[in-house]
Amino acid sequence: MLNYAEVIKNSNAYKIIDIDIAQNRLSHAYMFVSVDDNYLKAFSELVCKRFITMAEPEEKKIAIENRIEKNVHPDVKIFGEDKNIDVKTTEQILDAVTFSPFEADKKIFVLFNIDDMFFS
């Protein structure tokens, strides 16, 4: 798989996030769209790492980033990556948003394939 990190960090979307962080003006939601699923996954992972670790000391960042990569960080929730987001998954998302962050000062929800959502 192509390493998208440098391409992503030079993209306009990532630069907007850099500006938002520098100005301490994070939005409550961001939407990223790409025809390349691998790029979108890599982009989302970098953004999650950036948001979750921005207030952490350097010595903790690597461990936190590793947990995000392994999809085991309690405050980063990913839905729809492997299957469509159905009613049951939507209920899980709604339940999860009601709880405060566990470790970080924020929670991040990444929803893939929302254009394929179905409600039955």
C-alpha atoms as a PDB file:
ATOM      1  CA  MET A   1       0.000   0.000   0.000  1.00  0.00           C
ATOM      2  CA  LEU A   2       1.180   3.479  -0.848  1.00  0.00           C
ATOM      3  CA  ASN A   3       2.304   5.569   2.114  1.00  0.00           C
ATOM      4  CA  TYR A   4      -0.013   8.527   1.934  1.00  0.00           C
ATOM      5  CA  ALA A   5       1.389  10.438   4.927  1.00  0.00           C
ATOM      6  CA  GLU A   6       3.383  13.052   3.015  1.00  0.00           C
ATOM      7  CA  VAL A   7       0.686  13.492   0.373  1.00  0.00           C
ATOM      8  CA  ILE A   8      -1.928  13.921   3.092  1.00  0.00           C
ATOM      9  CA  LYS A   9       0.118  16.388   5.126  1.00  0.00           C
ATOM     10  CA  ASN A  10       0.506  18.554   2.007  1.00  0.00           C
ATOM     11  CA  SER A  11      -3.196  18.450   1.108  1.00  0.00           C
ATOM     12  CA  ASN A  12      -5.430  21.497   1.483  1.00  0.00           C
ATOM     13  CA  ALA A  13      -7.777  19.573   3.787  1.00  0.00           C
ATOM     14  CA  TYR A  14      -4.967  18.730   6.204  1.00  0.00           C
ATOM     15  CA  LYS A  15      -3.682  22.318   6.063  1.00  0.00           C
ATOM     16  CA  ILE A  16      -7.147  23.525   7.086  1.00  0.00           C
ATOM     17  CA  ILE A  17      -6.970  21.235  10.101  1.00  0.00           C
ATOM     18  CA  ASP A  18      -3.505  22.620  10.931  1.00  0.00           C
ATOM     19  CA  ILE A  19      -4.935  26.131  10.867  1.00  0.00           C
ATOM     20  CA  ASP A  20      -7.914  25.133  13.026  1.00  0.00           C
ATOM     21  CA  ILE A  21      -5.563  23.579  15.582  1.00  0.00           C
ATOM     22  CA  ALA A  22      -3.183  26.555  15.563  1.00  0.00           C
ATOM     23  CA  GLN A  23      -6.092  28.939  16.122  1.00  0.00           C
ATOM     24  CA  ASN A  24      -7.695  26.625  18.705  1.00  0.00           C
ATOM     25  CA  ARG A  25     -10.878  26.621  16.613  1.00  0.00           C
ATOM     26  CA  LEU A  26     -11.728  22.966  16.058  1.00  0.00           C
ATOM     27  CA  SER A  27     -15.114  22.340  14.547  1.00  0.00           C
ATOM     28  CA  HIS A  28     -17.552  19.917  16.161  1.00  0.00           C
ATOM     29  CA  ALA A  29     -17.531  17.886  12.928  1.00  0.00           C
ATOM     30  CA  TYR A  30     -15.456  17.440   9.796  1.00  0.00           C
ATOM     31  CA  MET A  31     -16.424  15.576   6.650  1.00  0.00           C
ATOM     32  CA  PHE A  32     -13.815  14.146   4.315  1.00  0.00           C
ATOM     33  CA  VAL A  33     -14.687  12.607   0.974  1.00  0.00           C
ATOM     34  CA  SER A  34     -12.441  10.718  -1.434  1.00  0.00           C
ATOM     35  CA  VAL A  35     -12.921   8.234  -4.241  1.00  0.00           C
ATOM     36  CA  ASP A  36      -9.845   6.415  -2.909  1.00  0.00           C
ATOM     37  CA  ASP A  37     -10.828   4.381   0.175  1.00  0.00           C
ATOM     38  CA  ASN A  38      -7.202   3.736   1.155  1.00  0.00           C
ATOM     39  CA  TYR A  39      -6.416   7.448   1.061  1.00  0.00           C
ATOM     40  CA  LEU A  40      -9.521   8.243   3.082  1.00  0.00           C
ATOM     41  CA  LYS A  41      -8.600   5.653   5.735  1.00  0.00           C
ATOM     42  CA  ALA A  42      -5.025   6.947   5.958  1.00  0.00           C
ATOM     43  CA  PHE A  43      -6.266  10.544   6.109  1.00  0.00           C
ATOM     44  CA  SER A  44      -8.769   9.723   8.855  1.00  0.00           C
ATOM     45  CA  GLU A  45      -6.123   7.928  10.891  1.00  0.00           C
ATOM     46  CA  LEU A  46      -3.701  10.861  10.675  1.00  0.00           C
ATOM     47  CA  VAL A  47      -6.440  13.303  11.663  1.00  0.00           C
ATOM     48  CA  CYS A  48      -7.464  11.131  14.631  1.00  0.00           C
ATOM     49  CA  LYS A  49      -3.853  10.928  15.785  1.00  0.00           C
ATOM     50  CA  ARG A  50      -3.466  14.670  15.442  1.00  0.00           C
ATOM     51  CA  PHE A  51      -6.639  15.530  17.353  1.00  0.00           C
ATOM     52  CA  ILE A  52      -6.178  13.018  20.164  1.00  0.00           C
ATOM     53  CA  THR A  53      -2.476  13.733  20.773  1.00  0.00           C
ATOM     54  CA  MET A  54      -2.381  17.498  20.316  1.00  0.00           C
ATOM     55  CA  ALA A  55      -2.502  18.180  24.065  1.00  0.00           C
ATOM     56  CA  GLU A  56      -0.250  15.260  25.029  1.00  0.00           C
ATOM     57  CA  PRO A  57       3.446  15.437  25.884  1.00  0.00           C
ATOM     58  CA  GLU A  58       5.795  14.050  23.226  1.00  0.00           C
ATOM     59  CA  GLU A  59       6.717  10.985  25.305  1.00  0.00           C
ATOM     60  CA  LYS A  60       3.079   9.782  25.291  1.00  0.00           C
ATOM     61  CA  LYS A  61       2.225  10.475  21.643  1.00  0.00           C
ATOM     62  CA  ILE A  62       3.762   7.349  20.095  1.00  0.00           C
ATOM     63  CA  ALA A  63       1.923   4.977  22.435  1.00  0.00           C
ATOM     64  CA  ILE A  64      -1.376   6.762  21.808  1.00  0.00           C
ATOM     65  CA  GLU A  65      -0.827   6.768  18.047  1.00  0.00           C
ATOM     66  CA  ASN A  66      -0.110   3.028  18.123  1.00  0.00           C
ATOM     67  CA  ARG A  67      -3.416   2.403  19.889  1.00  0.00           C
ATOM     68  CA  ILE A  68      -5.249   4.479  17.294  1.00  0.00           C
ATOM     69  CA  GLU A  69      -3.558   2.490  14.494  1.00  0.00           C
ATOM     70  CA  LYS A  70      -4.669  -0.770  16.128  1.00  0.00           C
ATOM     71  CA  ASN A  71      -8.191   0.622  16.577  1.00  0.00           C
ATOM     72  CA  VAL A  72      -8.133   0.081  20.347  1.00  0.00           C
ATOM     73  CA  HIS A  73      -8.178   3.665  21.622  1.00  0.00           C
ATOM     74  CA  PRO A  74     -11.390   4.072  23.667  1.00  0.00           C
ATOM     75  CA  ASP A  75     -12.060   7.597  22.398  1.00  0.00           C
ATOM     76  CA  VAL A  76     -11.683   6.868  18.679  1.00  0.00           C
ATOM     77  CA  LYS A  77     -14.647   4.963  17.281  1.00  0.00           C
ATOM     78  CA  ILE A  78     -14.670   3.752  13.679  1.00  0.00           C
ATOM     79  CA  PHE A  79     -17.845   2.563  12.009  1.00  0.00           C
ATOM     80  CA  GLY A  80     -18.647   1.309   8.528  1.00  0.00           C
ATOM     81  CA  GLU A  81     -15.125   0.400   7.504  1.00  0.00           C
ATOM     82  CA  ASP A  82     -15.869  -3.308   7.050  1.00  0.00           C
ATOM     83  CA  LYS A  83     -19.639  -3.288   6.586  1.00  0.00           C
ATOM     84  CA  ASN A  84     -22.517  -0.955   5.909  1.00  0.00           C
ATOM     85  CA  ILE A  85     -23.817   1.166   8.730  1.00  0.00           C
ATOM     86  CA  ASP A  86     -27.195  -0.334   9.498  1.00  0.00           C
ATOM     87  CA  VAL A  87     -29.830   0.453  12.104  1.00  0.00           C
ATOM     88  CA  LYS A  88     -28.080  -1.579  14.802  1.00  0.00           C
ATOM     89  CA  THR A  89     -24.765   0.186  14.158  1.00  0.00           C
ATOM     90  CA  THR A  90     -26.548   3.547  14.191  1.00  0.00           C
ATOM     91  CA  GLU A  91     -27.975   2.678  17.603  1.00  0.00           C
ATOM     92  CA  GLN A  92     -24.453   1.794  18.813  1.00  0.00           C
ATOM     93  CA  ILE A  93     -23.186   5.171  17.575  1.00  0.00           C
ATOM     94  CA  LEU A  94     -26.005   7.025  19.328  1.00  0.00           C
ATOM     95  CA  ASP A  95     -25.307   5.135  22.557  1.00  0.00           C
ATOM     96  CA  ALA A  96     -21.578   5.876  22.334  1.00  0.00           C
ATOM     97  CA  VAL A  97     -22.006   9.625  21.840  1.00  0.00           C
ATOM     98  CA  THR A  98     -23.811   9.949  25.154  1.00  0.00           C
ATOM     99  CA  PHE A  99     -20.684   9.089  27.141  1.00  0.00           C
ATOM    100  CA  SER A 100     -17.841  11.476  27.898  1.00  0.00           C
ATOM    101  CA  PRO A 101     -14.362  10.728  26.594  1.00  0.00           C
ATOM    102  CA  PHE A 102     -12.545   8.063  28.591  1.00  0.00           C
ATOM    103  CA  GLU A 103      -8.898   9.135  28.215  1.00  0.00           C
ATOM    104  CA  ALA A 104      -8.671  12.089  25.854  1.00  0.00           C
ATOM    105  CA  ASP A 105     -10.377  15.443  26.133  1.00  0.00           C
ATOM    106  CA  LYS A 106     -12.531  14.602  23.103  1.00  0.00           C
ATOM    107  CA  LYS A 107     -14.098  11.660  21.289  1.00  0.00           C
ATOM    108  CA  ILE A 108     -13.764  11.055  17.593  1.00  0.00           C
ATOM    109  CA  PHE A 109     -16.240   9.126  15.481  1.00  0.00           C
ATOM    110  CA  VAL A 110     -15.197   8.096  11.991  1.00  0.00           C
ATOM    111  CA  LEU A 111     -18.014   6.931   9.742  1.00  0.00           C
ATOM    112  CA  PHE A 112     -17.074   5.237   6.480  1.00  0.00           C
ATOM    113  CA  ASN A 113     -19.431   4.522   3.599  1.00  0.00           C
ATOM    114  CA  ILE A 114     -22.226   6.708   4.885  1.00  0.00           C
ATOM    115  CA  ASP A 115     -23.527   6.978   1.343  1.00  0.00           C
ATOM    116  CA  ASP A 116     -24.270   3.246   1.594  1.00  0.00           C
ATOM    117  CA  MET A 117     -26.218   3.481   4.855  1.00  0.00           C
ATOM    118  CA  PHE A 118     -29.486   1.679   4.909  1.00  0.00           C
ATOM    119  CA  PHE A 119     -32.280   1.554   7.400  1.00  0.00           C
ATOM    120  CA  SER A 120     -34.356  -1.572   7.515  1.00  0.00           C
END
